[in-house]
């Protein structure tokens, strides 16, 4: 049966992105051997559920500064018809580094939560969320705590690590349940919850140390029972929520016959390198678990804001590698920041797909937005990764089959040369060229 290929390329040259769209029809395969990218729609792996980003207080603060036209552009680019099809967001419980300052829902030493308030949420996060919901009803929310309230911690403060005091385990579990219920009351229903953001990191911003045994104990003996008591067990629980280099060890140490039924999946970040093999090992050992990349961004402390080409390559390489290793969903970090990559109360500035220059009243679209779009705009929720093989390692590729049967192939060519490629599906072939320094998405239909 004849096939059609819609081929969309973004080539990153001379400091800018150039977009090229082409259409091709297939020809009968004549036993060709060279230049092939073979696709096997009948060989299926994990289901992929979608893409999203983080709605932090910083993002909401910048959103409030913008005029209506720029707000509409951000909203419709991410969530609108014809946009890049985000279907999920991540929000912090209390403050994170991308907050205006340290923040928690109760005052110090309020063990009964009499002062509990989400007023700052209503000021900066809820308006952005409300506008998202006007154009996209099926957006799912993941909530993540960066730190318990300071008085519950061994070091007495939200920052610089420190662990949860044993005597506050039950109270903190109640605090998280209260948070979820209060968010629902103001119209932000939480679908999934991670136990602790980056539990191995001691940061100058909001952070808390939880080793594997502590995370397992807190989840098993305090958090999950509290969620049962409050009727919240429909919320999916994710463990770890940190870098990939110890993903397998953390899974093995936390998941056993007492906790396995409580855990929906494992969240991970990208800041310690590829480690795609870690995902494969976890996928093989725990095939029922969801593996989600819950945070990725370009940190200005490590990568230059001006080096957009390499930053684009980093995104494409990461998403392709994680997809091929078993990833089920991808969350970028802040959806929107100011021109400095903030505000950030700890000075930990980062890039974002949209930066807003308040003094100039100008919204800047970063190249990383196009990199994410090459995946999120074409890979639909419910797509299944399929088998493929490629003739060269100079082309990085991932292939998925959408619910409507169309096949999506996303390719990164980081080299300085155009590379030929022939897609082969059974007895049909389509030949084209993958441009130098480009990300390309092919959508194959019959």
Protein backbone atom coordinates (compact mmCIF):
# COMPACT_ATOMS: atom_id res chain seq x y z
CA UNK A 1 0.00 0.00 0.00
CA UNK A 2 1.37 3.41 -0.99
CA UNK A 3 2.50 5.75 1.78
CA UNK A 4 2.82 9.50 2.09
CA UNK A 5 5.50 11.34 4.06
CA UNK A 6 5.08 14.80 5.52
CA UNK A 7 8.63 15.92 6.32
CA UNK A 8 9.25 18.95 8.52
CA UNK A 9 12.83 20.14 9.11
CA UNK A 10 14.34 22.87 11.26
CA UNK A 11 17.92 23.60 10.27
CA UNK A 12 19.99 25.61 12.72
CA UNK A 13 22.52 27.60 10.73
CA UNK A 14 24.11 31.04 10.87
CA UNK A 15 22.59 31.69 14.29
CA UNK A 16 18.99 31.20 13.23
CA UNK A 17 16.44 28.46 12.62
CA UNK A 18 15.21 27.83 9.08
CA UNK A 19 12.07 25.74 8.58
CA UNK A 20 11.47 23.52 5.56
CA UNK A 21 8.36 21.42 4.84
CA UNK A 22 8.13 18.78 2.11
CA UNK A 23 5.83 15.97 1.00
CA UNK A 24 6.80 12.68 -0.63
CA UNK A 25 5.09 9.55 -1.92
CA UNK A 26 6.50 6.04 -1.54
CA UNK A 27 7.85 3.72 -4.18
CA UNK A 28 8.12 -0.05 -4.12
CA UNK A 29 11.15 -1.39 -2.32
CA UNK A 30 13.53 -3.14 -4.72
CA UNK A 31 15.68 -4.89 -2.14
CA UNK A 32 17.81 -1.84 -1.53
CA UNK A 33 20.45 -2.21 1.19
CA UNK A 34 22.06 1.15 1.77
CA UNK A 35 20.92 4.32 3.54
CA UNK A 36 17.91 2.70 5.20
CA UNK A 37 15.96 3.68 8.27
CA UNK A 38 13.73 0.63 8.77
CA UNK A 39 10.41 1.01 10.58
CA UNK A 40 8.47 -1.82 12.21
CA UNK A 41 5.00 -0.62 13.31
CA UNK A 42 4.08 -4.11 14.54
CA UNK A 43 6.93 -4.18 17.09
CA UNK A 44 5.62 -2.17 20.04
CA UNK A 45 7.29 -0.97 23.22
CA UNK A 46 6.10 1.53 25.85
CA UNK A 47 3.16 3.89 25.51
CA UNK A 48 3.95 7.59 25.52
CA UNK A 49 1.57 9.91 27.35
CA UNK A 50 2.65 13.42 26.46
CA UNK A 51 4.72 16.57 26.98
CA UNK A 52 4.51 19.49 29.35
CA UNK A 53 6.31 22.17 31.32
CA UNK A 54 6.42 23.76 34.75
CA UNK A 55 4.14 26.51 36.00
CA UNK A 56 6.27 28.02 38.76
CA UNK A 57 5.62 31.20 40.68
CA UNK A 58 8.32 32.86 38.56
CA UNK A 59 6.49 31.87 35.37
CA UNK A 60 3.23 33.21 36.77
CA UNK A 61 4.89 36.45 37.85
CA UNK A 62 6.29 37.06 34.36
CA UNK A 63 2.95 36.07 32.79
CA UNK A 64 1.21 38.75 34.88
CA UNK A 65 3.56 41.43 33.48
CA UNK A 66 2.76 40.68 29.83
CA UNK A 67 0.09 42.27 27.69
CA UNK A 68 -2.85 40.28 26.36
CA UNK A 69 -1.32 39.62 22.95
CA UNK A 70 1.85 38.06 24.36
CA UNK A 71 -0.12 36.02 26.87
CA UNK A 72 -2.23 34.64 24.06
CA UNK A 73 0.87 33.69 22.10
CA UNK A 74 2.32 31.75 25.03
CA UNK A 75 -0.98 30.02 25.82
CA UNK A 76 -1.80 29.01 22.27
CA UNK A 77 1.75 27.97 21.45
CA UNK A 78 1.80 25.51 24.32
CA UNK A 79 -1.83 24.43 24.61
CA UNK A 80 -3.89 25.76 21.71
CA UNK A 81 -5.05 24.13 18.51
CA UNK A 82 -2.14 24.07 16.08
CA UNK A 83 0.36 24.59 18.93
CA UNK A 84 2.89 22.16 20.32
CA UNK A 85 0.29 20.11 22.20
CA UNK A 86 1.35 20.22 25.85
CA UNK A 87 -1.04 18.16 27.98
CA UNK A 88 0.55 18.35 31.44
CA UNK A 89 2.18 20.79 33.84
CA UNK A 90 4.35 20.49 36.95
CA UNK A 91 3.85 22.79 39.91
CA UNK A 92 5.88 23.18 43.12
CA UNK A 93 4.45 22.55 46.57
CA UNK A 94 5.42 25.74 48.42
CA UNK A 95 8.48 27.53 47.03
CA UNK A 96 11.32 26.33 44.86
CA UNK A 97 14.26 28.28 43.45
CA UNK A 98 11.90 29.70 40.80
CA UNK A 99 9.80 31.55 43.33
CA UNK A 100 9.99 35.21 44.26
CA UNK A 101 11.26 34.22 47.70
CA UNK A 102 10.98 31.37 50.17
CA UNK A 103 7.35 30.51 50.76
CA UNK A 104 5.26 27.95 52.62
CA UNK A 105 1.55 27.64 53.26
CA UNK A 106 1.85 27.91 57.05
CA UNK A 107 3.76 30.17 59.37
CA UNK A 108 6.57 28.79 61.49
CA UNK A 109 5.64 26.43 64.32
CA UNK A 110 2.02 26.07 63.15
CA UNK A 111 1.72 22.34 63.77
CA UNK A 112 -2.06 22.38 63.43
CA UNK A 113 -2.03 24.27 60.09
CA UNK A 114 -4.37 26.98 61.40
CA UNK A 115 -2.57 29.57 59.25
CA UNK A 116 -2.66 27.44 56.08
CA UNK A 117 -3.11 29.68 53.03
CA UNK A 118 -2.53 29.51 49.30
CA UNK A 119 -2.90 33.25 48.71
CA UNK A 120 0.33 33.52 46.72
CA UNK A 121 -0.83 30.62 44.57
CA UNK A 122 -4.00 32.54 43.83
CA UNK A 123 -1.96 35.62 42.95
CA UNK A 124 0.62 34.21 40.54
CA UNK A 125 -0.02 30.57 39.59
CA UNK A 126 -3.79 30.28 39.45
CA UNK A 127 -4.38 33.07 36.85
CA UNK A 128 -1.96 31.37 34.42
CA UNK A 129 -3.60 28.01 35.12
CA UNK A 130 -7.10 29.45 34.67
CA UNK A 131 -6.17 30.80 31.24
CA UNK A 132 -4.65 27.44 30.26
CA UNK A 133 -7.91 25.71 31.19
CA UNK A 134 -9.89 28.05 28.97
CA UNK A 135 -8.28 26.55 25.88
CA UNK A 136 -7.17 23.08 27.08
CA UNK A 137 -9.42 21.08 29.39
CA UNK A 138 -7.37 17.88 29.50
CA UNK A 139 -4.18 19.20 31.08
CA UNK A 140 -2.89 17.06 33.97
CA UNK A 141 -1.07 18.44 37.02
CA UNK A 142 1.96 16.98 38.77
CA UNK A 143 2.83 18.48 42.17
CA UNK A 144 6.32 18.29 43.68
CA UNK A 145 7.60 19.44 47.10
CA UNK A 146 11.09 20.96 47.28
CA UNK A 147 11.13 21.09 51.09
CA UNK A 148 8.86 20.57 54.09
CA UNK A 149 8.13 23.69 56.18
CA UNK A 150 11.32 24.78 57.91
CA UNK A 151 10.19 23.97 61.44
CA UNK A 152 9.69 20.32 60.43
CA UNK A 153 13.33 19.90 59.35
CA UNK A 154 16.49 18.97 61.20
CA UNK A 155 18.29 22.15 60.11
CA UNK A 156 15.27 24.34 60.88
CA UNK A 157 15.07 25.97 57.43
CA UNK A 158 13.82 25.30 53.91
CA UNK A 159 17.21 25.65 52.27
CA UNK A 160 20.57 23.82 52.34
CA UNK A 161 19.22 20.30 52.54
CA UNK A 162 18.53 18.92 55.99
CA UNK A 163 16.19 16.02 56.62
CA UNK A 164 12.61 15.71 57.82
CA UNK A 165 12.47 15.29 61.60
CA UNK A 166 11.15 11.88 62.64
CA UNK A 167 8.55 13.43 64.90
CA UNK A 168 7.11 15.39 61.95
CA UNK A 169 6.68 12.53 59.49
CA UNK A 170 2.96 12.16 60.21
CA UNK A 171 2.38 15.91 60.25
CA UNK A 172 4.17 16.39 56.95
CA UNK A 173 2.11 13.64 55.33
CA UNK A 174 -1.01 15.49 56.52
CA UNK A 175 0.45 18.73 55.16
CA UNK A 176 0.87 17.28 51.67
CA UNK A 177 -2.69 15.90 51.73
CA UNK A 178 -3.99 19.28 52.88
CA UNK A 179 -2.11 20.91 50.02
CA UNK A 180 -3.67 18.60 47.44
CA UNK A 181 -7.16 19.18 48.80
CA UNK A 182 -6.70 22.97 48.94
CA UNK A 183 -5.39 23.04 45.38
CA UNK A 184 -8.47 21.11 44.23
CA UNK A 185 -10.69 23.64 45.99
CA UNK A 186 -9.17 26.54 44.03
CA UNK A 187 -9.51 24.61 40.77
CA UNK A 188 -6.13 22.90 40.38
CA UNK A 189 -6.73 19.13 40.53
CA UNK A 190 -3.54 17.16 41.15
CA UNK A 191 -3.14 13.98 39.08
CA UNK A 192 0.31 12.90 40.29
CA UNK A 193 2.65 13.65 43.17
CA UNK A 194 6.36 13.05 43.62
CA UNK A 195 7.52 12.43 47.17
CA UNK A 196 10.51 14.80 47.11
CA UNK A 197 12.32 16.86 44.50
CA UNK A 198 16.02 15.98 44.17
CA UNK A 199 16.27 14.13 47.51
CA UNK A 200 20.05 13.79 47.20
CA UNK A 201 20.80 17.50 46.63
CA UNK A 202 21.86 20.06 49.23
CA UNK A 203 20.97 23.36 47.53
CA UNK A 204 21.20 27.01 48.50
CA UNK A 205 17.50 27.06 47.66
CA UNK A 206 14.61 24.90 48.92
CA UNK A 207 15.85 21.33 49.37
CA UNK A 208 15.52 18.30 51.63
CA UNK A 209 17.57 15.14 51.94
CA UNK A 210 15.76 11.80 51.77
CA UNK A 211 17.76 8.63 51.27
CA UNK A 212 16.06 5.57 49.83
CA UNK A 213 15.19 4.06 53.21
CA UNK A 214 13.69 7.33 54.46
CA UNK A 215 11.67 7.83 51.27
CA UNK A 216 10.35 4.27 51.47
CA UNK A 217 9.51 4.58 55.17
CA UNK A 218 7.83 7.98 54.74
CA UNK A 219 5.78 6.77 51.79
CA UNK A 220 4.81 3.41 53.28
CA UNK A 221 4.12 4.34 56.89
CA UNK A 222 2.97 7.96 56.68
CA UNK A 223 2.18 9.47 53.26
CA UNK A 224 0.21 6.64 51.69
CA UNK A 225 -1.83 5.93 54.85
CA UNK A 226 -2.65 9.66 55.06
CA UNK A 227 -3.72 9.65 51.41
CA UNK A 228 -5.92 6.64 52.13
CA UNK A 229 -7.51 8.45 55.06
CA UNK A 230 -8.27 11.49 52.90
CA UNK A 231 -9.50 9.55 49.86
CA UNK A 232 -6.53 10.54 47.70
CA UNK A 233 -5.22 7.16 46.56
CA UNK A 234 -6.29 7.88 42.98
CA UNK A 235 -3.32 10.28 42.81
CA UNK A 236 -0.28 8.68 41.19
CA UNK A 237 2.85 8.63 43.34
CA UNK A 238 6.33 8.99 41.84
CA UNK A 239 9.60 8.40 43.66
CA UNK A 240 13.15 9.74 43.23
CA UNK A 241 12.60 12.83 41.02
CA UNK A 242 16.33 13.34 40.64
CA UNK A 243 19.11 12.64 38.14
CA UNK A 244 19.46 9.38 36.21
CA UNK A 245 22.86 8.14 37.33
CA UNK A 246 21.38 6.28 40.36
CA UNK A 247 17.90 5.59 39.04
CA UNK A 248 18.24 1.80 39.11
CA UNK A 249 19.66 1.66 42.63
CA UNK A 250 16.93 3.97 43.94
CA UNK A 251 14.22 1.87 42.35
CA UNK A 252 15.58 -1.36 43.81
CA UNK A 253 15.99 0.17 47.27
CA UNK A 254 12.54 1.79 47.43
CA UNK A 255 10.27 -0.69 45.66
CA UNK A 256 9.43 -3.95 47.39
CA UNK A 257 6.38 -6.03 48.28
CA UNK A 258 5.31 -3.42 50.86
CA UNK A 259 5.52 -0.34 48.59
CA UNK A 260 5.14 -1.62 45.03
CA UNK A 261 1.35 -1.13 44.94
CA UNK A 262 1.75 2.48 46.13
CA UNK A 263 4.20 3.59 43.43
CA UNK A 264 3.04 4.49 39.93
CA UNK A 265 6.47 5.34 38.59
CA UNK A 266 9.85 7.00 38.83
CA UNK A 267 10.57 10.62 37.93
CA UNK A 268 14.02 11.69 36.78
CA UNK A 269 16.04 14.73 35.66
CA UNK A 270 18.78 15.11 33.04
CA UNK A 271 21.47 17.11 34.84
CA UNK A 272 24.02 14.32 35.35
CA UNK A 273 24.32 13.13 31.74
CA UNK A 274 22.72 10.58 29.41
CA UNK A 275 22.57 7.36 31.46
CA UNK A 276 19.98 5.95 29.06
CA UNK A 277 21.07 2.50 30.17
CA UNK A 278 19.67 3.27 33.62
CA UNK A 279 16.21 3.71 32.12
CA UNK A 280 16.53 0.46 30.18
CA UNK A 281 17.49 -1.46 33.30
CA UNK A 282 14.57 -0.04 35.27
CA UNK A 283 12.22 -0.65 32.35
CA UNK A 284 13.34 -4.28 32.16
CA UNK A 285 13.09 -4.91 35.90
CA UNK A 286 9.86 -2.96 36.48
CA UNK A 287 7.96 -3.01 33.16
CA UNK A 288 4.75 -1.81 34.79
CA UNK A 289 6.24 1.47 36.08
CA UNK A 290 5.91 4.85 34.41
CA UNK A 291 9.23 6.58 33.68
CA UNK A 292 8.86 10.34 33.34
CA UNK A 293 11.46 13.02 32.82
CA UNK A 294 10.02 15.61 35.20
CA UNK A 295 12.55 18.41 34.73
CA UNK A 296 14.96 19.56 32.02
CA UNK A 297 16.40 22.99 31.29
CA UNK A 298 19.51 24.83 30.20
CA UNK A 299 21.21 26.09 33.36
CA UNK A 300 23.11 29.32 32.75
CA UNK A 301 25.66 28.25 35.36
CA UNK A 302 26.69 25.41 32.99
CA UNK A 303 25.69 26.48 29.47
CA UNK A 304 25.77 29.85 27.78
CA UNK A 305 22.49 31.50 26.90
CA UNK A 306 23.97 32.47 23.54
CA UNK A 307 24.91 28.88 22.57
CA UNK A 308 21.45 28.05 21.35
CA UNK A 309 22.57 25.56 18.69
CA UNK A 310 24.21 23.24 21.18
CA UNK A 311 21.30 23.68 23.57
CA UNK A 312 18.90 22.59 20.82
CA UNK A 313 21.03 19.51 20.13
CA UNK A 314 21.03 18.69 23.84
CA UNK A 315 17.23 18.68 23.96
CA UNK A 316 16.81 16.51 20.87
CA UNK A 317 19.53 14.07 21.95
CA UNK A 318 17.98 13.75 25.42
CA UNK A 319 14.41 13.20 24.27
CA UNK A 320 15.41 10.67 21.58
CA UNK A 321 17.65 8.74 23.97
CA UNK A 322 15.04 8.63 26.71
CA UNK A 323 12.27 7.59 24.33
CA UNK A 324 14.36 4.71 23.03
CA UNK A 325 15.15 3.67 26.62
CA UNK A 326 11.53 3.54 27.77
CA UNK A 327 10.38 7.07 28.79
CA UNK A 328 6.61 7.61 29.10
CA UNK A 329 6.40 11.43 29.41
CA UNK A 330 8.58 14.55 29.24
CA UNK A 331 8.26 17.75 31.29
CA UNK A 332 10.38 20.76 30.44
CA UNK A 333 11.12 23.16 33.31
CA UNK A 334 9.78 26.76 33.35
CA UNK A 335 7.41 27.55 30.50
CA UNK A 336 8.17 31.26 30.78
CA UNK A 337 10.86 33.45 32.41
CA UNK A 338 12.17 36.99 32.19
CA UNK A 339 15.10 38.06 29.99
CA UNK A 340 17.60 37.12 32.71
CA UNK A 341 16.25 33.60 33.13
CA UNK A 342 14.41 34.43 36.37
CA UNK A 343 13.21 35.69 38.72
CA UNK A 344 15.04 33.25 40.97
CA UNK A 345 15.55 33.99 44.66
CA UNK A 346 18.75 31.89 44.73
CA UNK A 347 20.35 33.33 41.58
CA UNK A 348 20.03 29.99 39.78
CA UNK A 349 19.04 31.45 36.41
CA UNK A 350 18.01 29.21 33.50
CA UNK A 351 16.79 29.37 29.92
CA UNK A 352 13.17 28.76 28.95
CA UNK A 353 11.33 28.35 25.62
CA UNK A 354 9.89 31.86 26.12
CA UNK A 355 11.75 34.80 27.69
CA UNK A 356 10.00 38.12 28.30
CA UNK A 357 11.93 41.39 28.12
CA UNK A 358 9.84 43.56 30.43
CA UNK A 359 11.59 46.86 29.69
CA UNK A 360 11.07 46.42 25.95
CA UNK A 361 7.71 44.65 26.36
CA UNK A 362 9.04 42.00 24.00
CA UNK A 363 8.42 38.24 24.06
CA UNK A 364 11.40 36.21 22.83
CA UNK A 365 10.95 32.72 21.42
CA UNK A 366 14.03 30.60 22.07
CA UNK A 367 15.29 27.90 19.71
CA UNK A 368 14.65 25.20 22.29
CA UNK A 369 10.92 25.71 21.68
CA UNK A 370 11.32 24.42 18.13
CA UNK A 371 13.34 21.45 19.38
CA UNK A 372 10.57 20.39 21.77
CA UNK A 373 7.92 21.06 19.11
CA UNK A 374 9.50 18.54 16.75
CA UNK A 375 8.39 15.90 19.25
CA UNK A 376 5.37 17.23 21.10
CA UNK A 377 3.47 18.57 18.10
CA UNK A 378 3.50 15.26 16.24
CA UNK A 379 3.73 12.50 18.88
CA UNK A 380 0.18 12.26 20.21
CA UNK A 381 -0.82 11.15 23.69
CA UNK A 382 -1.22 7.38 23.61
CA UNK A 383 1.42 6.84 20.93
CA UNK A 384 3.49 3.67 21.17
CA UNK A 385 7.19 3.47 20.47
CA UNK A 386 7.91 1.04 17.63
CA UNK A 387 10.90 -0.88 16.38
CA UNK A 388 13.38 0.79 14.05
CA UNK A 389 16.94 0.44 12.80
CA UNK A 390 19.16 3.04 11.14
CA UNK A 391 22.17 2.63 8.89
CA UNK A 392 24.31 5.22 10.69
CA UNK A 393 24.90 6.48 14.21
CA UNK A 394 25.28 9.97 12.77
CA UNK A 395 21.48 10.14 12.70
CA UNK A 396 19.79 9.84 16.10
CA UNK A 397 16.18 8.70 15.68
CA UNK A 398 13.09 7.66 17.61
CA UNK A 399 9.95 6.22 16.03
CA UNK A 400 6.41 6.02 17.41
CA UNK A 401 2.98 5.02 16.15
CA UNK A 402 0.12 7.39 16.94
CA UNK A 403 -3.35 6.17 17.94
CA UNK A 404 -4.58 7.02 14.41
CA UNK A 405 -1.97 4.68 12.89
CA UNK A 406 0.37 7.35 11.55
CA UNK A 407 4.06 6.76 12.18
CA UNK A 408 6.23 9.59 13.52
CA UNK A 409 10.01 9.57 13.16
CA UNK A 410 12.05 12.32 14.81
CA UNK A 411 15.70 12.63 13.78
CA UNK A 412 18.66 14.66 14.93
CA UNK A 413 21.55 15.24 12.55
CA UNK A 414 24.17 17.07 14.64
CA UNK A 415 26.85 16.83 11.95
CA UNK A 416 27.94 19.44 9.42
CA UNK A 417 26.84 17.29 6.46
CA UNK A 418 23.52 16.52 4.85
CA UNK A 419 22.78 12.80 5.19
CA UNK A 420 20.60 10.70 2.90
CA UNK A 421 17.93 8.49 4.42
CA UNK A 422 15.35 6.09 3.00
CA UNK A 423 12.41 5.17 5.19
CA UNK A 424 11.33 1.58 4.62
CA UNK A 425 8.06 0.15 5.90
CA UNK A 426 7.55 -3.41 4.67
CA UNK A 427 7.65 -3.18 0.85
CA UNK A 428 7.46 0.61 0.53
CA UNK A 429 10.27 3.17 0.60
CA UNK A 430 10.51 6.96 0.77
CA UNK A 431 13.87 8.68 0.22
CA UNK A 432 14.87 12.14 1.40
CA UNK A 433 17.74 14.05 3.00
CA UNK A 434 18.32 14.92 6.64
CA UNK A 435 19.89 18.37 6.61
CA UNK A 436 23.10 19.21 8.46
CA UNK A 437 22.62 20.65 11.96
CA UNK A 438 18.92 19.89 11.96
CA UNK A 439 16.01 18.25 13.70
CA UNK A 440 13.52 16.64 11.34
CA UNK A 441 10.13 15.05 11.90
CA UNK A 442 8.58 12.70 9.41
CA UNK A 443 4.93 11.70 9.61
CA UNK A 444 4.10 8.66 7.49
CA UNK A 445 0.50 7.88 6.57
CA UNK A 446 -1.16 5.48 4.14
